[in-house]
């Protein structure tokens, strides 16, 4: 079972690299193989929504982290095997039209060496101490001992192999028993991902969240921060059925969007069974996560920014109508329209969200006047990111506080930048 999400959320959270910036994926990617990289990306695109699956994956990674496990297979060896195995067999059984004799010989030798390295890892490597992988370990041990692979078992690694034997091995490995070979590689890719993420968790001191069953509506993050920031300011926020909506206010540049990204990223990554950038975390499994932090105009259908927002709210409403447990984020809801419509729309939609107490909502807004009407709902909590004035210079703490702020420092910033003076007198030499 996978957590439902969409491209907008993946883009909002900047999970993957784009243009000049890296993505969250790059932080966790310490893999040694191309197959491991691909599997890690697949996990990022398909977070889990099953409590047991999340707990199992997290326990595996935590066990490898506890042992400070090192990926036991040589990257160059795996690269040789991957290139050898993936060559297309266009003519004949051995695929001789695609590979030369030397390439086939090197590929066969590389696979035999890898086969024995995998067997050694299964017998005495760090996987022995990972309880959650014992079934997988036993299955792969049985596969390696399959009579069909007996010639590979008996062949010594790095031994000189005759031309006739190379041909026989090539047919065995790339044709007759290719499915078994692919299964071995898939297992290696899994170990690559688990150990990679475990290494990142240890190096960055990420924590493993506590997972609660779906429907309990628990979400508490202690000291959460965005993993891409060099000097992050951690924040703490808890949500549950009694506070299922958080209304977040703060001036421009106070850090609202960064906080929303940090919080949402932790929720997303936790559903992958991965460690997160926080001091502690507890969460109940959700059905879906939808964020709206950087929503573009939809020029393809001739939609304005406001209409794109309306369509986004409509999509969330449809999912809520299906009685799903959602984690939903809107950054400056209805920013694409006039203040009056934004006020009315923010109150109406936030009230409606408050009626869905099996889901959790984080909504930021500049429409602080909406708070008067929103206080009617006891399950709406109010938090803000403050601004402190140092003379005429605004300073930001980036630290979440309870309550509402009507901080507005746009004109101060405009004056501090000398824009009005420049327009009046021209640019100074």
Protein backbone atom coordinates (compact mmCIF):
# COMPACT_ATOMS: atom_id res chain seq x y z
CA UNK A 1 0.00 0.00 0.00
CA UNK A 2 1.40 3.36 -1.04
CA UNK A 3 0.78 6.87 0.24
CA UNK A 4 -1.11 8.86 -2.35
CA UNK A 5 0.60 12.05 -3.51
CA UNK A 6 1.10 13.98 -6.74
CA UNK A 7 3.57 15.93 -8.88
CA UNK A 8 2.67 19.23 -7.22
CA UNK A 9 3.65 17.88 -3.81
CA UNK A 10 6.85 16.32 -5.14
CA UNK A 11 7.77 19.67 -6.69
CA UNK A 12 6.76 21.68 -3.61
CA UNK A 13 8.98 19.57 -1.37
CA UNK A 14 11.82 19.71 -3.92
CA UNK A 15 12.37 15.99 -3.62
CA UNK A 16 14.43 15.79 -6.80
CA UNK A 17 17.16 17.98 -8.27
CA UNK A 18 16.11 20.66 -10.72
CA UNK A 19 18.26 23.11 -12.64
CA UNK A 20 20.83 24.54 -10.23
CA UNK A 21 19.51 23.03 -7.00
CA UNK A 22 19.77 19.58 -5.44
CA UNK A 23 16.80 17.69 -4.06
CA UNK A 24 16.00 15.85 -0.83
CA UNK A 25 16.74 12.64 -2.75
CA UNK A 26 20.37 13.73 -3.10
CA UNK A 27 20.73 14.03 0.68
CA UNK A 28 19.77 10.38 1.16
CA UNK A 29 21.54 9.08 -1.93
CA UNK A 30 24.80 7.52 -0.79
CA UNK A 31 24.31 4.48 -3.01
CA UNK A 32 27.11 2.62 -4.77
CA UNK A 33 25.16 1.12 -7.68
CA UNK A 34 23.00 2.36 -10.53
CA UNK A 35 20.35 -0.16 -9.50
CA UNK A 36 20.44 1.19 -5.95
CA UNK A 37 19.96 4.74 -7.23
CA UNK A 38 16.96 3.64 -9.26
CA UNK A 39 15.40 1.77 -6.34
CA UNK A 40 15.91 4.75 -4.03
CA UNK A 41 14.14 7.02 -6.53
CA UNK A 42 11.29 4.51 -6.74
CA UNK A 43 10.95 4.62 -2.93
CA UNK A 44 10.88 8.42 -3.02
CA UNK A 45 8.10 8.40 -5.59
CA UNK A 46 6.11 5.76 -3.71
CA UNK A 47 6.01 6.38 0.06
CA UNK A 48 4.20 3.75 2.11
CA UNK A 49 0.80 3.89 3.81
CA UNK A 50 0.98 0.59 5.67
CA UNK A 51 2.11 0.76 9.30
CA UNK A 52 3.83 -2.62 9.34
CA UNK A 53 5.69 -1.96 6.08
CA UNK A 54 6.90 1.42 7.36
CA UNK A 55 8.02 -0.05 10.68
CA UNK A 56 9.82 -2.93 8.99
CA UNK A 57 11.78 -0.72 6.61
CA UNK A 58 12.67 1.73 9.38
CA UNK A 59 13.81 -1.12 11.66
CA UNK A 60 16.05 -2.53 8.89
CA UNK A 61 17.71 0.83 8.27
CA UNK A 62 18.07 1.49 12.01
CA UNK A 63 19.68 -1.93 12.51
CA UNK A 64 22.26 -1.26 9.80
CA UNK A 65 22.86 2.21 11.25
CA UNK A 66 23.43 0.70 14.70
CA UNK A 67 26.13 -1.54 13.24
CA UNK A 68 27.62 1.29 11.19
CA UNK A 69 27.32 -1.06 8.24
CA UNK A 70 29.42 -0.53 5.13
CA UNK A 71 28.21 -1.65 1.70
CA UNK A 72 30.14 -4.92 1.25
CA UNK A 73 30.31 -5.16 -2.54
CA UNK A 74 32.76 -3.41 -4.83
CA UNK A 75 31.06 -0.78 -6.98
CA UNK A 76 33.34 -1.53 -9.97
CA UNK A 77 32.52 -5.24 -9.74
CA UNK A 78 28.80 -4.53 -9.72
CA UNK A 79 29.17 -2.11 -12.60
CA UNK A 80 30.82 -4.85 -14.66
CA UNK A 81 28.07 -7.34 -13.83
CA UNK A 82 25.28 -4.83 -14.57
CA UNK A 83 26.72 -3.97 -17.99
CA UNK A 84 27.23 -7.63 -18.77
CA UNK A 85 23.76 -8.76 -17.70
CA UNK A 86 21.86 -5.95 -19.43
CA UNK A 87 23.35 -6.50 -22.88
CA UNK A 88 20.66 -7.51 -25.37
CA UNK A 89 20.82 -11.03 -26.76
CA UNK A 90 20.19 -10.33 -30.42
CA UNK A 91 21.74 -13.43 -31.97
CA UNK A 92 22.23 -16.87 -30.52
CA UNK A 93 21.92 -17.93 -26.91
CA UNK A 94 25.09 -16.30 -25.61
CA UNK A 95 24.47 -12.85 -27.05
CA UNK A 96 27.82 -12.92 -28.85
CA UNK A 97 26.65 -10.25 -31.32
CA UNK A 98 26.34 -7.73 -28.49
CA UNK A 99 29.52 -8.53 -26.56
CA UNK A 100 33.03 -9.47 -27.57
CA UNK A 101 34.85 -12.53 -26.19
CA UNK A 102 36.82 -10.48 -23.68
CA UNK A 103 33.71 -8.65 -22.46
CA UNK A 104 31.88 -11.94 -21.99
CA UNK A 105 34.84 -13.46 -20.16
CA UNK A 106 35.12 -10.42 -17.88
CA UNK A 107 31.37 -10.44 -17.24
CA UNK A 108 31.35 -14.13 -16.34
CA UNK A 109 34.32 -13.71 -13.99
CA UNK A 110 32.74 -10.66 -12.37
CA UNK A 111 29.47 -12.46 -11.73
CA UNK A 112 31.21 -15.49 -10.21
CA UNK A 113 33.15 -13.20 -7.87
CA UNK A 114 29.98 -11.31 -6.95
CA UNK A 115 28.09 -14.57 -6.35
CA UNK A 116 30.63 -15.65 -3.73
CA UNK A 117 30.70 -12.18 -2.16
CA UNK A 118 26.92 -12.31 -1.74
CA UNK A 119 27.15 -15.76 -0.16
CA UNK A 120 29.77 -14.52 2.30
CA UNK A 121 27.61 -11.52 3.18
CA UNK A 122 24.61 -13.76 3.83
CA UNK A 123 26.65 -16.11 6.00
CA UNK A 124 28.62 -13.64 8.10
CA UNK A 125 27.86 -10.03 7.09
CA UNK A 126 25.92 -7.36 8.98
CA UNK A 127 22.64 -8.76 7.61
CA UNK A 128 22.95 -11.63 10.11
CA UNK A 129 22.03 -9.18 12.88
CA UNK A 130 19.04 -7.66 11.08
CA UNK A 131 16.06 -9.62 12.34
CA UNK A 132 13.61 -8.15 9.82
CA UNK A 133 15.66 -9.49 6.89
CA UNK A 134 16.01 -13.11 8.00
CA UNK A 135 13.27 -14.40 5.67
CA UNK A 136 14.86 -12.58 2.72
CA UNK A 137 18.26 -13.88 3.76
CA UNK A 138 17.05 -17.48 3.92
CA UNK A 139 15.30 -17.22 0.55
CA UNK A 140 18.42 -15.88 -1.13
CA UNK A 141 20.60 -18.53 0.52
CA UNK A 142 18.26 -21.16 -0.92
CA UNK A 143 18.48 -19.51 -4.35
CA UNK A 144 22.29 -19.55 -4.27
CA UNK A 145 22.22 -23.23 -3.36
CA UNK A 146 19.86 -24.08 -6.23
CA UNK A 147 21.32 -27.02 -8.23
CA UNK A 148 21.00 -24.97 -11.42
CA UNK A 149 23.67 -22.58 -10.08
CA UNK A 150 25.99 -25.38 -8.89
CA UNK A 151 28.66 -24.62 -11.52
CA UNK A 152 28.91 -21.06 -10.19
CA UNK A 153 29.06 -22.34 -6.62
CA UNK A 154 31.95 -24.65 -7.42
CA UNK A 155 33.97 -22.17 -9.47
CA UNK A 156 36.54 -20.25 -7.45
CA UNK A 157 36.50 -16.45 -7.70
CA UNK A 158 39.18 -14.90 -9.96
CA UNK A 159 40.24 -18.34 -11.26
CA UNK A 160 41.26 -18.64 -14.93
CA UNK A 161 38.37 -20.01 -16.96
CA UNK A 162 38.70 -21.82 -20.27
CA UNK A 163 37.00 -20.52 -23.41
CA UNK A 164 34.56 -23.46 -23.46
CA UNK A 165 33.68 -22.91 -19.79
CA UNK A 166 33.15 -19.16 -20.38
CA UNK A 167 30.67 -19.96 -23.16
CA UNK A 168 28.80 -22.41 -20.94
CA UNK A 169 28.73 -19.96 -18.03
CA UNK A 170 27.52 -17.17 -20.33
CA UNK A 171 24.54 -19.25 -21.47
CA UNK A 172 23.80 -20.26 -17.88
CA UNK A 173 24.03 -16.73 -16.43
CA UNK A 174 22.50 -14.57 -19.15
CA UNK A 175 19.96 -16.97 -20.63
CA UNK A 176 18.95 -20.08 -18.69
CA UNK A 177 19.11 -18.70 -15.15
CA UNK A 178 18.87 -14.99 -15.83
CA UNK A 179 15.82 -14.61 -13.55
CA UNK A 180 17.86 -15.91 -10.62
CA UNK A 181 20.72 -13.57 -11.48
CA UNK A 182 18.34 -10.61 -11.60
CA UNK A 183 16.94 -11.63 -8.18
CA UNK A 184 20.47 -11.58 -6.75
CA UNK A 185 21.06 -8.11 -8.18
CA UNK A 186 17.74 -6.83 -6.83
CA UNK A 187 18.73 -8.04 -3.37
CA UNK A 188 22.05 -6.19 -3.66
CA UNK A 189 20.24 -3.00 -4.70
CA UNK A 190 18.03 -3.26 -1.62
CA UNK A 191 21.07 -3.63 0.62
CA UNK A 192 22.65 -0.67 -1.16
CA UNK A 193 19.65 1.54 -0.37
CA UNK A 194 19.27 0.39 3.23
CA UNK A 195 22.95 0.82 4.05
CA UNK A 196 23.11 4.12 2.16
CA UNK A 197 20.24 5.62 4.15
CA UNK A 198 21.62 4.14 7.38
CA UNK A 199 24.94 5.87 6.71
CA UNK A 200 23.19 9.18 6.07
CA UNK A 201 21.16 8.80 9.29
CA UNK A 202 24.32 8.26 11.33
CA UNK A 203 26.29 11.04 9.67
CA UNK A 204 23.52 13.65 9.90
CA UNK A 205 22.05 12.44 13.20
CA UNK A 206 18.59 11.96 11.72
CA UNK A 207 16.04 10.21 13.93
CA UNK A 208 13.64 7.32 13.30
CA UNK A 209 10.00 8.33 13.90
CA UNK A 210 7.56 6.39 16.05
CA UNK A 211 4.72 5.08 13.86
CA UNK A 212 1.10 4.95 15.05
CA UNK A 213 -1.81 3.13 13.36
CA UNK A 214 -3.89 4.82 10.69
CA UNK A 215 -6.87 6.66 12.14
CA UNK A 216 -5.27 7.69 15.43
CA UNK A 217 -4.51 11.14 13.99
CA UNK A 218 -1.22 11.71 15.79
CA UNK A 219 1.44 14.06 14.45
CA UNK A 220 4.12 15.56 16.66
CA UNK A 221 7.45 16.86 15.49
CA UNK A 222 10.04 17.96 18.02
CA UNK A 223 12.90 20.10 16.74
CA UNK A 224 12.10 19.63 13.06
CA UNK A 225 14.28 21.46 10.54
CA UNK A 226 14.86 21.51 6.81
CA UNK A 227 17.76 19.15 5.97
CA UNK A 228 19.12 21.40 3.20
CA UNK A 229 19.77 24.40 5.48
CA UNK A 230 23.30 24.95 6.78
CA UNK A 231 22.21 26.65 10.01
CA UNK A 232 18.59 25.60 10.51
CA UNK A 233 16.36 26.79 13.34
CA UNK A 234 14.45 23.77 14.72
CA UNK A 235 10.75 24.04 15.55
CA UNK A 236 8.23 21.95 17.45
CA UNK A 237 4.58 21.44 16.55
CA UNK A 238 1.98 18.87 17.53
CA UNK A 239 -1.34 18.10 15.84
CA UNK A 240 -4.18 15.69 16.58
CA UNK A 241 -7.97 15.47 16.36
CA UNK A 242 -8.31 18.21 18.99
CA UNK A 243 -6.05 20.46 16.88
CA UNK A 244 -6.48 19.11 13.36
CA UNK A 245 -6.01 22.52 11.69
CA UNK A 246 -3.10 24.90 12.26
CA UNK A 247 -3.49 28.47 11.00
CA UNK A 248 -0.02 29.96 10.51
CA UNK A 249 0.66 33.71 10.22
CA UNK A 250 3.78 35.82 9.87
CA UNK A 251 5.27 38.61 7.79
CA UNK A 252 7.00 38.05 4.46
CA UNK A 253 10.49 36.60 4.97
CA UNK A 254 9.56 35.37 8.48
CA UNK A 255 10.07 31.76 7.35
CA UNK A 256 6.55 30.41 6.82
CA UNK A 257 7.27 28.59 3.54
CA UNK A 258 10.52 27.12 4.86
CA UNK A 259 8.75 25.84 7.97
CA UNK A 260 5.94 24.32 5.89
CA UNK A 261 8.50 22.58 3.67
CA UNK A 262 10.48 21.29 6.66
CA UNK A 263 7.37 19.95 8.40
CA UNK A 264 5.83 18.45 5.25
CA UNK A 265 9.12 16.88 4.15
CA UNK A 266 9.43 15.12 7.50
CA UNK A 267 5.88 13.76 7.17
CA UNK A 268 6.59 12.54 3.63
CA UNK A 269 9.98 10.97 4.44
CA UNK A 270 8.57 9.31 7.58
CA UNK A 271 6.03 7.51 5.38
CA UNK A 272 8.96 6.07 3.42
CA UNK A 273 10.27 4.44 6.60
CA UNK A 274 13.34 6.70 6.44
CA UNK A 275 14.91 8.74 9.25
CA UNK A 276 14.04 12.44 9.35
CA UNK A 277 15.67 15.77 10.20
CA UNK A 278 14.25 16.31 13.69
CA UNK A 279 14.94 15.65 17.37
CA UNK A 280 11.87 13.42 17.64
CA UNK A 281 8.74 12.50 15.73
CA UNK A 282 5.51 10.56 16.22
CA UNK A 283 2.98 10.17 13.44
CA UNK A 284 -0.04 8.13 12.47
CA UNK A 285 -0.12 6.69 8.98
CA UNK A 286 -2.11 8.77 6.48
CA UNK A 287 -3.73 7.84 3.16
CA UNK A 288 -2.37 10.81 1.24
CA UNK A 289 -0.30 13.98 1.43
CA UNK A 290 -1.02 17.06 -0.69
CA UNK A 291 0.90 20.32 -0.45
CA UNK A 292 0.38 23.63 -2.23
CA UNK A 293 3.41 25.77 -1.56
CA UNK A 294 4.54 26.98 -4.97
CA UNK A 295 1.53 26.65 -7.24
CA UNK A 296 2.09 27.95 -10.80
CA UNK A 297 -0.50 29.36 -13.15
CA UNK A 298 -1.91 26.64 -15.38
CA UNK A 299 -1.33 28.26 -18.76
CA UNK A 300 -2.15 25.02 -20.55
CA UNK A 301 -5.82 25.40 -19.68
CA UNK A 302 -5.75 29.19 -19.57
CA UNK A 303 -6.10 29.22 -15.79
CA UNK A 304 -5.04 32.14 -13.62
CA UNK A 305 -3.20 31.60 -10.35
CA UNK A 306 -6.47 31.97 -8.43
CA UNK A 307 -8.28 29.42 -10.58
CA UNK A 308 -5.35 27.03 -10.21
CA UNK A 309 -5.76 27.41 -6.42
CA UNK A 310 -9.49 26.71 -6.70
CA UNK A 311 -8.80 23.55 -8.70
CA UNK A 312 -6.26 22.48 -6.10
CA UNK A 313 -8.77 22.93 -3.27
CA UNK A 314 -11.33 21.05 -5.36
CA UNK A 315 -8.95 18.11 -5.73
CA UNK A 316 -8.36 18.00 -1.97
CA UNK A 317 -12.11 18.23 -1.33
CA UNK A 318 -12.74 15.26 -3.61
CA UNK A 319 -10.19 13.14 -1.71
CA UNK A 320 -11.69 14.22 1.63
CA UNK A 321 -15.11 13.29 0.27
CA UNK A 322 -13.83 9.74 -0.18
CA UNK A 323 -13.26 9.67 3.62
CA UNK A 324 -9.48 9.46 3.32
CA UNK A 325 -7.08 10.56 6.03
CA UNK A 326 -5.06 13.36 4.44
CA UNK A 327 -2.17 15.58 5.43
CA UNK A 328 -2.79 18.87 3.60
CA UNK A 329 -0.71 22.05 3.36
CA UNK A 330 -1.70 25.36 1.79
CA UNK A 331 0.82 28.18 1.82
CA UNK A 332 -1.03 31.54 1.66
CA UNK A 333 -4.38 30.16 0.61
CA UNK A 334 -6.04 32.20 -2.16
CA UNK A 335 -3.13 34.60 -2.61
CA UNK A 336 -4.14 34.92 -6.26
CA UNK A 337 -7.24 37.02 -5.67
CA UNK A 338 -8.30 40.27 -3.98
CA UNK A 339 -8.21 40.67 -0.20
CA UNK A 340 -12.01 40.46 0.28
CA UNK A 341 -12.41 37.23 -1.70
CA UNK A 342 -9.27 35.81 -0.10
CA UNK A 343 -10.67 36.57 3.35
CA UNK A 344 -14.06 34.98 2.66
CA UNK A 345 -12.55 32.01 0.85
CA UNK A 346 -9.95 31.37 3.56
CA UNK A 347 -12.59 31.37 6.32
CA UNK A 348 -15.03 29.18 4.39
CA UNK A 349 -12.47 26.58 3.32
CA UNK A 350 -10.66 26.47 6.67
CA UNK A 351 -13.98 25.99 8.47
CA UNK A 352 -14.79 23.14 6.10
CA UNK A 353 -11.37 21.56 6.69
CA UNK A 354 -11.95 21.79 10.44
CA UNK A 355 -14.98 19.53 9.98
CA UNK A 356 -12.74 16.73 8.67
CA UNK A 357 -11.12 15.68 11.93
CA UNK A 358 -9.65 12.46 10.55
CA UNK A 359 -7.25 14.61 8.48
CA UNK A 360 -4.64 17.23 9.36
CA UNK A 361 -4.26 20.68 7.76
CA UNK A 362 -1.53 23.32 7.85
CA UNK A 363 -2.65 26.64 6.36
CA UNK A 364 -0.55 29.79 6.23
CA UNK A 365 -2.09 33.16 5.47
CA UNK A 366 -1.54 36.91 5.49
CA UNK A 367 -5.26 37.36 6.12
CA UNK A 368 -4.92 37.68 9.88
CA UNK A 369 -8.42 39.17 10.08
CA UNK A 370 -9.75 35.69 9.29
CA UNK A 371 -8.66 34.53 12.73
CA UNK A 372 -11.69 36.12 14.43
CA UNK A 373 -14.08 33.87 12.52
CA UNK A 374 -11.78 30.85 12.73
CA UNK A 375 -11.70 30.95 16.54
CA UNK A 376 -15.26 29.60 16.46
CA UNK A 377 -13.82 26.16 15.73
CA UNK A 378 -12.11 24.67 18.81
CA UNK A 379 -9.92 22.32 16.75
CA UNK A 380 -8.16 25.17 14.90
CA UNK A 381 -4.82 26.09 16.48
CA UNK A 382 -2.98 29.35 15.84
CA UNK A 383 0.77 29.74 15.45
CA UNK A 384 3.00 32.43 14.01
CA UNK A 385 6.58 33.22 13.08
CA UNK A 386 7.50 36.57 14.64
CA UNK A 387 9.43 39.59 13.47
CA UNK A 388 11.46 41.70 15.88
CA UNK A 389 12.27 45.30 14.93
CA UNK A 390 15.84 46.50 15.49
CA UNK A 391 15.24 50.18 14.84
CA UNK A 392 13.93 50.24 11.29
CA UNK A 393 15.42 46.85 10.43
CA UNK A 394 13.21 43.75 10.77
CA UNK A 395 14.86 40.68 12.28
CA UNK A 396 13.42 37.19 12.14
CA UNK A 397 13.68 34.50 14.83
CA UNK A 398 12.29 31.70 12.60
CA UNK A 399 10.96 30.21 15.84
CA UNK A 400 7.32 29.16 15.98
CA UNK A 401 5.13 30.73 18.67
CA UNK A 402 1.50 30.23 19.64
CA UNK A 403 -0.99 32.91 18.65
CA UNK A 404 -1.49 35.29 15.74
CA UNK A 405 0.62 38.14 14.45
CA UNK A 406 -0.35 41.08 12.31
CA UNK A 407 3.30 41.89 11.52
CA UNK A 408 3.48 43.75 8.22
CA UNK A 409 6.85 45.12 7.24
CA UNK A 410 6.58 45.33 3.49
CA UNK A 411 6.75 49.14 3.36
CA UNK A 412 9.66 49.21 5.82
CA UNK A 413 11.65 46.88 3.56
CA UNK A 414 10.74 48.95 0.49
CA UNK A 415 11.95 52.13 2.24
CA UNK A 416 15.10 50.45 3.55
CA UNK A 417 15.99 49.46 0.00
CA UNK A 418 15.65 53.08 -1.12
CA UNK A 419 13.24 52.20 -3.91
CA UNK A 420 11.02 55.27 -3.50
CA UNK A 421 14.04 57.55 -3.34
CA UNK A 422 15.45 55.97 -6.50
CA UNK A 423 12.15 56.46 -8.32
CA UNK A 424 12.02 60.09 -7.22
CA UNK A 425 15.63 61.16 -7.69
CA UNK A 426 17.08 58.60 -10.02
CA UNK A 427 19.90 56.15 -9.35
CA UNK A 428 22.84 57.64 -7.47
CA UNK A 429 26.28 57.34 -9.02
